[in-house]
Amino acid sequence: MSDMELILNMLAESTATNISKKERPDNFERSKDIANRGGRVAKQARFAVESETGESVITNQNAVQLNEVISDLIENVSDMYHEK
């Protein structure tokens, strides 16, 4: 899973959470609909990124490699923080 895949997943989840907080679904079907709407937002963002870069966001990396991606992100942020 690349950093962009992770970010888009987080976008979908955060969007669905925000919609859910606003609409307060009272059953599974409404919750499912909200989750799908969050996914559609991330899908639109994915297509926009792919259109701008000319490259697919989806990689053949799997979730096992996610730890490396997160570690790299943390190290990069840490390096930027210590450079200031």
PDB file of N, CA and C in Angstrom:
ATOM      1  N   MET A   1       0.861  -1.172   0.000  1.00  0.00           N
ATOM      2  CA  MET A   1       0.000   0.000   0.000  1.00  0.00           C
ATOM      3  C   MET A   1       0.904   1.231   0.000  1.00  0.00           C
ATOM      4  N   SER A   2       0.702   2.081  -0.970  1.00  0.00           N
ATOM      5  CA  SER A   2       1.516   3.293  -1.061  1.00  0.00           C
ATOM      6  C   SER A   2       0.981   4.360  -0.115  1.00  0.00           C
ATOM      7  N   ASP A   3       1.764   5.419   0.053  1.00  0.00           N
ATOM      8  CA  ASP A   3       1.295   6.503   0.907  1.00  0.00           C
ATOM      9  C   ASP A   3       0.025   7.139   0.339  1.00  0.00           C
ATOM     10  N   MET A   4      -0.070   7.241  -0.997  1.00  0.00           N
ATOM     11  CA  MET A   4      -1.274   7.823  -1.593  1.00  0.00           C
ATOM     12  C   MET A   4      -2.493   6.925  -1.366  1.00  0.00           C
ATOM     13  N   GLU A   5      -2.319   5.609  -1.473  1.00  0.00           N
ATOM     14  CA  GLU A   5      -3.429   4.694  -1.198  1.00  0.00           C
ATOM     15  C   GLU A   5      -3.888   4.838   0.255  1.00  0.00           C
ATOM     16  N   LEU A   6      -2.930   4.951   1.149  1.00  0.00           N
ATOM     17  CA  LEU A   6      -3.251   5.127   2.563  1.00  0.00           C
ATOM     18  C   LEU A   6      -3.996   6.440   2.788  1.00  0.00           C
ATOM     19  N   ILE A   7      -3.532   7.495   2.165  1.00  0.00           N
ATOM     20  CA  ILE A   7      -4.173   8.810   2.312  1.00  0.00           C
ATOM     21  C   ILE A   7      -5.595   8.779   1.784  1.00  0.00           C
ATOM     22  N   LEU A   8      -5.795   8.148   0.628  1.00  0.00           N
ATOM     23  CA  LEU A   8      -7.142   8.076   0.061  1.00  0.00           C
ATOM     24  C   LEU A   8      -8.067   7.237   0.934  1.00  0.00           C
ATOM     25  N   ASN A   9      -7.525   6.184   1.529  1.00  0.00           N
ATOM     26  CA  ASN A   9      -8.320   5.373   2.453  1.00  0.00           C
ATOM     27  C   ASN A   9      -8.726   6.208   3.671  1.00  0.00           C
ATOM     28  N   MET A  10      -7.774   6.979   4.178  1.00  0.00           N
ATOM     29  CA  MET A  10      -8.075   7.844   5.313  1.00  0.00           C
ATOM     30  C   MET A  10      -9.102   8.913   4.937  1.00  0.00           C
ATOM     31  N   LEU A  11      -9.017   9.435   3.710  1.00  0.00           N
ATOM     32  CA  LEU A  11      -9.993  10.419   3.233  1.00  0.00           C
ATOM     33  C   LEU A  11     -11.391   9.814   3.210  1.00  0.00           C
ATOM     34  N   ALA A  12     -11.505   8.596   2.690  1.00  0.00           N
ATOM     35  CA  ALA A  12     -12.808   7.921   2.642  1.00  0.00           C
ATOM     36  C   ALA A  12     -13.369   7.734   4.044  1.00  0.00           C
ATOM     37  N   GLU A  13     -12.535   7.256   4.955  1.00  0.00           N
ATOM     38  CA  GLU A  13     -12.991   7.008   6.325  1.00  0.00           C
ATOM     39  C   GLU A  13     -13.366   8.298   7.038  1.00  0.00           C
ATOM     40  N   SER A  14     -12.551   9.324   6.892  1.00  0.00           N
ATOM     41  CA  SER A  14     -12.821  10.587   7.564  1.00  0.00           C
ATOM     42  C   SER A  14     -14.081  11.248   7.010  1.00  0.00           C
ATOM     43  N   THR A  15     -14.246  11.181   5.693  1.00  0.00           N
ATOM     44  CA  THR A  15     -15.441  11.742   5.075  1.00  0.00           C
ATOM     45  C   THR A  15     -16.691  11.028   5.581  1.00  0.00           C
ATOM     46  N   ALA A  16     -16.639   9.699   5.598  1.00  0.00           N
ATOM     47  CA  ALA A  16     -17.784   8.929   6.082  1.00  0.00           C
ATOM     48  C   ALA A  16     -18.080   9.248   7.546  1.00  0.00           C
ATOM     49  N   THR A  17     -17.047   9.396   8.349  1.00  0.00           N
ATOM     50  CA  THR A  17     -17.232   9.738   9.760  1.00  0.00           C
ATOM     51  C   THR A  17     -17.908  11.099   9.912  1.00  0.00           C
ATOM     52  N   ASN A  18     -17.447  12.076   9.130  1.00  0.00           N
ATOM     53  CA  ASN A  18     -18.036  13.415   9.224  1.00  0.00           C
ATOM     54  C   ASN A  18     -19.487  13.424   8.768  1.00  0.00           C
ATOM     55  N   ILE A  19     -19.786  12.706   7.693  1.00  0.00           N
ATOM     56  CA  ILE A  19     -21.180  12.619   7.232  1.00  0.00           C
ATOM     57  C   ILE A  19     -22.037  11.944   8.300  1.00  0.00           C
ATOM     58  N   SER A  20     -21.496  10.880   8.883  1.00  0.00           N
ATOM     59  CA  SER A  20     -22.230  10.132   9.898  1.00  0.00           C
ATOM     60  C   SER A  20     -22.525  10.994  11.125  1.00  0.00           C
ATOM     61  N   LYS A  21     -21.561  11.795  11.530  1.00  0.00           N
ATOM     62  CA  LYS A  21     -21.773  12.681  12.678  1.00  0.00           C
ATOM     63  C   LYS A  21     -22.876  13.697  12.392  1.00  0.00           C
ATOM     64  N   LYS A  22     -22.931  14.160  11.147  1.00  0.00           N
ATOM     65  CA  LYS A  22     -23.937  15.154  10.776  1.00  0.00           C
ATOM     66  C   LYS A  22     -25.317  14.526  10.631  1.00  0.00           C
ATOM     67  N   GLU A  23     -25.379  13.363   9.963  1.00  0.00           N
ATOM     68  CA  GLU A  23     -26.678  12.760   9.640  1.00  0.00           C
ATOM     69  C   GLU A  23     -27.182  11.774  10.695  1.00  0.00           C
ATOM     70  N   ARG A  24     -26.307  11.295  11.547  1.00  0.00           N
ATOM     71  CA  ARG A  24     -26.660  10.385  12.632  1.00  0.00           C
ATOM     72  C   ARG A  24     -27.550   9.231  12.162  1.00  0.00           C
ATOM     73  N   PRO A  25     -26.995   8.317  11.369  1.00  0.00           N
ATOM     74  CA  PRO A  25     -27.798   7.209  10.842  1.00  0.00           C
ATOM     75  C   PRO A  25     -28.323   6.326  11.973  1.00  0.00           C
ATOM     76  N   ASP A  26     -29.534   5.784  11.766  1.00  0.00           N
ATOM     77  CA  ASP A  26     -30.152   4.989  12.824  1.00  0.00           C
ATOM     78  C   ASP A  26     -30.278   3.510  12.460  1.00  0.00           C
ATOM     79  N   ASN A  27     -29.708   3.114  11.320  1.00  0.00           N
ATOM     80  CA  ASN A  27     -29.739   1.697  10.976  1.00  0.00           C
ATOM     81  C   ASN A  27     -28.570   1.343  10.055  1.00  0.00           C
ATOM     82  N   PHE A  28     -28.385   0.068   9.846  1.00  0.00           N
ATOM     83  CA  PHE A  28     -27.250  -0.419   9.060  1.00  0.00           C
ATOM     84  C   PHE A  28     -27.279   0.104   7.631  1.00  0.00           C
ATOM     85  N   GLU A  29     -28.436   0.103   6.998  1.00  0.00           N
ATOM     86  CA  GLU A  29     -28.536   0.525   5.598  1.00  0.00           C
ATOM     87  C   GLU A  29     -28.109   1.980   5.416  1.00  0.00           C
ATOM     88  N   ARG A  30     -28.515   2.842   6.328  1.00  0.00           N
ATOM     89  CA  ARG A  30     -28.099   4.249   6.248  1.00  0.00           C
ATOM     90  C   ARG A  30     -26.609   4.391   6.502  1.00  0.00           C
ATOM     91  N   SER A  31     -26.084   3.618   7.434  1.00  0.00           N
ATOM     92  CA  SER A  31     -24.640   3.635   7.701  1.00  0.00           C
ATOM     93  C   SER A  31     -23.852   3.148   6.489  1.00  0.00           C
ATOM     94  N   LYS A  32     -24.371   2.116   5.854  1.00  0.00           N
ATOM     95  CA  LYS A  32     -23.727   1.570   4.659  1.00  0.00           C
ATOM     96  C   LYS A  32     -23.717   2.610   3.538  1.00  0.00           C
ATOM     97  N   ASP A  33     -24.830   3.311   3.369  1.00  0.00           N
ATOM     98  CA  ASP A  33     -24.915   4.360   2.356  1.00  0.00           C
ATOM     99  C   ASP A  33     -23.885   5.456   2.622  1.00  0.00           C
ATOM    100  N   ILE A  34     -23.742   5.846   3.862  1.00  0.00           N
ATOM    101  CA  ILE A  34     -22.773   6.879   4.228  1.00  0.00           C
ATOM    102  C   ILE A  34     -21.349   6.402   3.947  1.00  0.00           C
ATOM    103  N   ALA A  35     -21.055   5.152   4.256  1.00  0.00           N
ATOM    104  CA  ALA A  35     -19.726   4.602   3.967  1.00  0.00           C
ATOM    105  C   ALA A  35     -19.451   4.631   2.464  1.00  0.00           C
ATOM    106  N   ASN A  36     -20.448   4.296   1.669  1.00  0.00           N
ATOM    107  CA  ASN A  36     -20.291   4.341   0.210  1.00  0.00           C
ATOM    108  C   ASN A  36     -20.055   5.762  -0.282  1.00  0.00           C
ATOM    109  N   ARG A  37     -20.727   6.709   0.317  1.00  0.00           N
ATOM    110  CA  ARG A  37     -20.531   8.109  -0.072  1.00  0.00           C
ATOM    111  C   ARG A  37     -19.121   8.577   0.252  1.00  0.00           C
ATOM    112  N   GLY A  38     -18.609   8.172   1.400  1.00  0.00           N
ATOM    113  CA  GLY A  38     -17.220   8.500   1.740  1.00  0.00           C
ATOM    114  C   GLY A  38     -16.265   7.896   0.726  1.00  0.00           C
ATOM    115  N   GLY A  39     -16.537   6.673   0.316  1.00  0.00           N
ATOM    116  CA  GLY A  39     -15.711   6.012  -0.688  1.00  0.00           C
ATOM    117  C   GLY A  39     -15.755   6.722  -2.031  1.00  0.00           C
ATOM    118  N   ARG A  40     -16.914   7.248  -2.383  1.00  0.00           N
ATOM    119  CA  ARG A  40     -17.036   7.968  -3.660  1.00  0.00           C
ATOM    120  C   ARG A  40     -16.195   9.247  -3.648  1.00  0.00           C
ATOM    121  N   VAL A  41     -16.137   9.916  -2.514  1.00  0.00           N
ATOM    122  CA  VAL A  41     -15.305  11.122  -2.405  1.00  0.00           C
ATOM    123  C   VAL A  41     -13.843  10.762  -2.663  1.00  0.00           C
ATOM    124  N   ALA A  42     -13.378   9.693  -2.035  1.00  0.00           N
ATOM    125  CA  ALA A  42     -11.990   9.259  -2.230  1.00  0.00           C
ATOM    126  C   ALA A  42     -11.754   8.810  -3.666  1.00  0.00           C
ATOM    127  N   LYS A  43     -12.749   8.177  -4.259  1.00  0.00           N
ATOM    128  CA  LYS A  43     -12.624   7.730  -5.660  1.00  0.00           C
ATOM    129  C   LYS A  43     -12.452   8.930  -6.586  1.00  0.00           C
ATOM    130  N   GLN A  44     -13.229   9.981  -6.353  1.00  0.00           N
ATOM    131  CA  GLN A  44     -13.089  11.191  -7.163  1.00  0.00           C
ATOM    132  C   GLN A  44     -11.701  11.800  -6.989  1.00  0.00           C
ATOM    133  N   ALA A  45     -11.207  11.805  -5.746  1.00  0.00           N
ATOM    134  CA  ALA A  45      -9.867  12.334  -5.488  1.00  0.00           C
ATOM    135  C   ALA A  45      -8.812  11.484  -6.192  1.00  0.00           C
ATOM    136  N   ARG A  46      -8.980  10.171  -6.153  1.00  0.00           N
ATOM    137  CA  ARG A  46      -8.047   9.268  -6.826  1.00  0.00           C
ATOM    138  C   ARG A  46      -7.987   9.582  -8.316  1.00  0.00           C
ATOM    139  N   PHE A  47      -9.156   9.690  -8.948  1.00  0.00           N
ATOM    140  CA  PHE A  47      -9.181   9.969 -10.382  1.00  0.00           C
ATOM    141  C   PHE A  47      -8.544  11.326 -10.691  1.00  0.00           C
ATOM    142  N   ALA A  48      -8.730  12.313  -9.828  1.00  0.00           N
ATOM    143  CA  ALA A  48      -8.119  13.625 -10.029  1.00  0.00           C
ATOM    144  C   ALA A  48      -6.597  13.530  -9.951  1.00  0.00           C
ATOM    145  N   VAL A  49      -6.091  12.805  -8.960  1.00  0.00           N
ATOM    146  CA  VAL A  49      -4.637  12.629  -8.824  1.00  0.00           C
ATOM    147  C   VAL A  49      -4.074  11.908 -10.042  1.00  0.00           C
ATOM    148  N   GLU A  50      -4.744  10.837 -10.457  1.00  0.00           N
ATOM    149  CA  GLU A  50      -4.273  10.072 -11.607  1.00  0.00           C
ATOM    150  C   GLU A  50      -4.314  10.916 -12.880  1.00  0.00           C
ATOM    151  N   SER A  51      -5.307  11.769 -13.020  1.00  0.00           N
ATOM    152  CA  SER A  51      -5.408  12.643 -14.183  1.00  0.00           C
ATOM    153  C   SER A  51      -4.254  13.645 -14.209  1.00  0.00           C
ATOM    154  N   GLU A  52      -3.916  14.187 -13.049  1.00  0.00           N
ATOM    155  CA  GLU A  52      -2.843  15.180 -12.960  1.00  0.00           C
ATOM    156  C   GLU A  52      -1.457  14.572 -13.150  1.00  0.00           C
ATOM    157  N   THR A  53      -1.254  13.361 -12.629  1.00  0.00           N
ATOM    158  CA  THR A  53       0.075  12.749 -12.673  1.00  0.00           C
ATOM    159  C   THR A  53       0.277  11.834 -13.871  1.00  0.00           C
ATOM    160  N   GLY A  54      -0.824  11.364 -14.435  1.00  0.00           N
ATOM    161  CA  GLY A  54      -0.717  10.402 -15.531  1.00  0.00           C
ATOM    162  C   GLY A  54      -0.293   9.017 -15.073  1.00  0.00           C
ATOM    163  N   GLU A  55      -0.349   8.779 -13.781  1.00  0.00           N
ATOM    164  CA  GLU A  55       0.044   7.487 -13.214  1.00  0.00           C
ATOM    165  C   GLU A  55      -1.061   6.947 -12.311  1.00  0.00           C
ATOM    166  N   SER A  56      -1.136   5.628 -12.239  1.00  0.00           N
ATOM    167  CA  SER A  56      -2.113   4.987 -11.369  1.00  0.00           C
ATOM    168  C   SER A  56      -1.722   5.160  -9.903  1.00  0.00           C
ATOM    169  N   VAL A  57      -2.710   5.404  -9.087  1.00  0.00           N
ATOM    170  CA  VAL A  57      -2.492   5.496  -7.645  1.00  0.00           C
ATOM    171  C   VAL A  57      -2.358   4.100  -7.049  1.00  0.00           C
ATOM    172  N   ILE A  58      -3.046   3.137  -7.638  1.00  0.00           N
ATOM    173  CA  ILE A  58      -3.065   1.771  -7.123  1.00  0.00           C
ATOM    174  C   ILE A  58      -1.741   1.094  -7.433  1.00  0.00           C
ATOM    175  N   THR A  59      -1.162   0.468  -6.418  1.00  0.00           N
ATOM    176  CA  THR A  59       0.113  -0.231  -6.577  1.00  0.00           C
ATOM    177  C   THR A  59      -0.076  -1.710  -6.264  1.00  0.00           C
ATOM    178  N   ASN A  60       0.972  -2.459  -6.484  1.00  0.00           N
ATOM    179  CA  ASN A  60       0.916  -3.881  -6.144  1.00  0.00           C
ATOM    180  C   ASN A  60       1.446  -4.134  -4.739  1.00  0.00           C
ATOM    181  N   GLN A  61       1.735  -3.067  -4.013  1.00  0.00           N
ATOM    182  CA  GLN A  61       2.161  -3.226  -2.633  1.00  0.00           C
ATOM    183  C   GLN A  61       0.982  -3.711  -1.808  1.00  0.00           C
ATOM    184  N   ASN A  62       1.255  -4.463  -0.756  1.00  0.00           N
ATOM    185  CA  ASN A  62       0.164  -4.956   0.075  1.00  0.00           C
ATOM    186  C   ASN A  62       0.243  -4.356   1.477  1.00  0.00           C
ATOM    187  N   ALA A  63      -0.710  -4.698   2.297  1.00  0.00           N
ATOM    188  CA  ALA A  63      -0.804  -4.120   3.636  1.00  0.00           C
ATOM    189  C   ALA A  63       0.373  -4.499   4.521  1.00  0.00           C
ATOM    190  N   VAL A  64       1.051  -5.588   4.223  1.00  0.00           N
ATOM    191  CA  VAL A  64       2.212  -5.980   5.014  1.00  0.00           C
ATOM    192  C   VAL A  64       3.296  -4.909   4.895  1.00  0.00           C
ATOM    193  N   GLN A  65       3.362  -4.272   3.745  1.00  0.00           N
ATOM    194  CA  GLN A  65       4.361  -3.234   3.518  1.00  0.00           C
ATOM    195  C   GLN A  65       3.943  -1.887   4.107  1.00  0.00           C
ATOM    196  N   LEU A  66       2.739  -1.811   4.633  1.00  0.00           N
ATOM    197  CA  LEU A  66       2.226  -0.570   5.189  1.00  0.00           C
ATOM    198  C   LEU A  66       3.123  -0.044   6.304  1.00  0.00           C
ATOM    199  N   ASN A  67       3.662  -0.917   7.119  1.00  0.00           N
ATOM    200  CA  ASN A  67       4.534  -0.488   8.209  1.00  0.00           C
ATOM    201  C   ASN A  67       5.719   0.305   7.683  1.00  0.00           C
ATOM    202  N   GLU A  68       6.309  -0.125   6.568  1.00  0.00           N
ATOM    203  CA  GLU A  68       7.421   0.601   5.977  1.00  0.00           C
ATOM    204  C   GLU A  68       6.989   1.989   5.522  1.00  0.00           C
ATOM    205  N   VAL A  69       5.828   2.071   4.905  1.00  0.00           N
ATOM    206  CA  VAL A  69       5.317   3.354   4.427  1.00  0.00           C
ATOM    207  C   VAL A  69       5.130   4.305   5.596  1.00  0.00           C
ATOM    208  N   ILE A  70       4.508   3.829   6.648  1.00  0.00           N
ATOM    209  CA  ILE A  70       4.269   4.678   7.821  1.00  0.00           C
ATOM    210  C   ILE A  70       5.582   5.092   8.465  1.00  0.00           C
ATOM    211  N   SER A  71       6.518   4.148   8.587  1.00  0.00           N
ATOM    212  CA  SER A  71       7.824   4.471   9.161  1.00  0.00           C
ATOM    213  C   SER A  71       8.533   5.542   8.339  1.00  0.00           C
ATOM    214  N   ASP A  72       8.485   5.411   7.014  1.00  0.00           N
ATOM    215  CA  ASP A  72       9.108   6.413   6.146  1.00  0.00           C
ATOM    216  C   ASP A  72       8.466   7.778   6.329  1.00  0.00           C
ATOM    217  N   LEU A  73       7.135   7.809   6.421  1.00  0.00           N
ATOM    218  CA  LEU A  73       6.443   9.082   6.616  1.00  0.00           C
ATOM    219  C   LEU A  73       6.848   9.725   7.940  1.00  0.00           C
ATOM    220  N   ILE A  74       6.911   8.925   8.989  1.00  0.00           N
ATOM    221  CA  ILE A  74       7.289   9.439  10.300  1.00  0.00           C
ATOM    222  C   ILE A  74       8.710   9.974  10.277  1.00  0.00           C
ATOM    223  N   GLU A  75       9.614   9.230   9.646  1.00  0.00           N
ATOM    224  CA  GLU A  75      11.010   9.680   9.552  1.00  0.00           C
ATOM    225  C   GLU A  75      11.119  10.985   8.768  1.00  0.00           C
ATOM    226  N   ASN A  76      10.372  11.095   7.672  1.00  0.00           N
ATOM    227  CA  ASN A  76      10.419  12.322   6.874  1.00  0.00           C
ATOM    228  C   ASN A  76       9.909  13.518   7.657  1.00  0.00           C
ATOM    229  N   VAL A  77       8.810  13.334   8.384  1.00  0.00           N
ATOM    230  CA  VAL A  77       8.270  14.419   9.200  1.00  0.00           C
ATOM    231  C   VAL A  77       9.254  14.772  10.306  1.00  0.00           C
ATOM    232  N   SER A  78       9.839  13.764  10.923  1.00  0.00           N
ATOM    233  CA  SER A  78      10.818  13.996  11.984  1.00  0.00           C
ATOM    234  C   SER A  78      12.024  14.758  11.450  1.00  0.00           C
ATOM    235  N   ASP A  79      12.505  14.369  10.285  1.00  0.00           N
ATOM    236  CA  ASP A  79      13.646  15.058   9.674  1.00  0.00           C
ATOM    237  C   ASP A  79      13.307  16.517   9.386  1.00  0.00           C
ATOM    238  N   MET A  80      12.110  16.773   8.871  1.00  0.00           N
ATOM    239  CA  MET A  80      11.688  18.139   8.579  1.00  0.00           C
ATOM    240  C   MET A  80      11.587  18.948   9.862  1.00  0.00           C
ATOM    241  N   TYR A  81      11.103  18.345  10.919  1.00  0.00           N
ATOM    242  CA  TYR A  81      10.948  19.033  12.203  1.00  0.00           C
ATOM    243  C   TYR A  81      12.314  19.407  12.781  1.00  0.00           C
ATOM    244  N   HIS A  82      13.265  18.502  12.678  1.00  0.00           N
ATOM    245  CA  HIS A  82      14.598  18.738  13.254  1.00  0.00           C
ATOM    246  C   HIS A  82      15.429  19.679  12.415  1.00  0.00           C
ATOM    247  N   GLU A  83      15.073  19.895  11.155  1.00  0.00           N
ATOM    248  CA  GLU A  83      15.813  20.826  10.304  1.00  0.00           C
ATOM    249  C   GLU A  83      15.500  22.266  10.631  1.00  0.00           C
ATOM    250  N   LYS A  84      14.369  22.516  11.259  1.00  0.00           N
ATOM    251  CA  LYS A  84      13.949  23.896  11.557  1.00  0.00           C
ATOM    252  C   LYS A  84      14.768  24.517  12.631  1.00  0.00           C
TER     253      LYS A  84
END
